């Protein structure tokens, strides 16, 4: 469709390589998330009722799942009309935003939308948008598909990529999702996250830390400037109270 042809370089960098559906997905995800959070914050403030069907509260992840499934099926079909593909990308982005906005509810199987655990939804959405953004600009790493690279050098590159992926995985397990995401695309970033102490509530800490190391981890993250900045950004984006654990604002007045 070449929707943004008026932007310099758009045809060469986005439309030509076939990345326009990915861009539309990203824009749809960000816009749908912003509008969803805006509505739920207004609903929380003004006491608006939530969407209900037959007396049952319908969380907005439900229409999100439907959108993701329908658009995904169309995306995997043989029907490749460009307009349909673009519309499917928009629907997928909107559906993904609705699901990710309630990621914490799916993970905890509890309505923790405005509780401290609900911050995980904002983190998941930001990470999802970051991954899509990076996919728009990142090409094959180190020219790995270049035949001139040679089998031996290609094997070395594969080994480095595998090691980098392992560091990224450890960073995720240590409760450092932003570091883990950056590590997927930037070499050696994950090594820093893998070496340093894990977040005290992370799977890694739960599996491998004794009480003494848990106290050290908790003390470090309480004093960590990066953690405080992350909490403030998440609170601002998600509409949470800046003080973690503040129970004001229950979950009763939200949008479906």
Foldseek 3Di string as FASTA:
>chain_A
DCPPVVDPPCCVQDVVVPNLLLVLLLVLQVVLLQVQLVQFLVLLVVVAAADDDPNHGDQLLVVLVVLLVVLVVVCPDPPPDPVSVSVSSSSNSNSVNSNLQCVLCVVVVHLCCQALSVLSSLVSSVLVSVLSVVVSPDDPPPPLVDPVCDPVNNVVVVVQLVVLLVLLVLLVQLVNPVQSSVSNPDPPSSVVSNPDHGQLPGNCNVPDPDPVSSVVNPVCLVPDPVNLVVLVVSCVSNVHDSDHRDCPRDSRRHYD
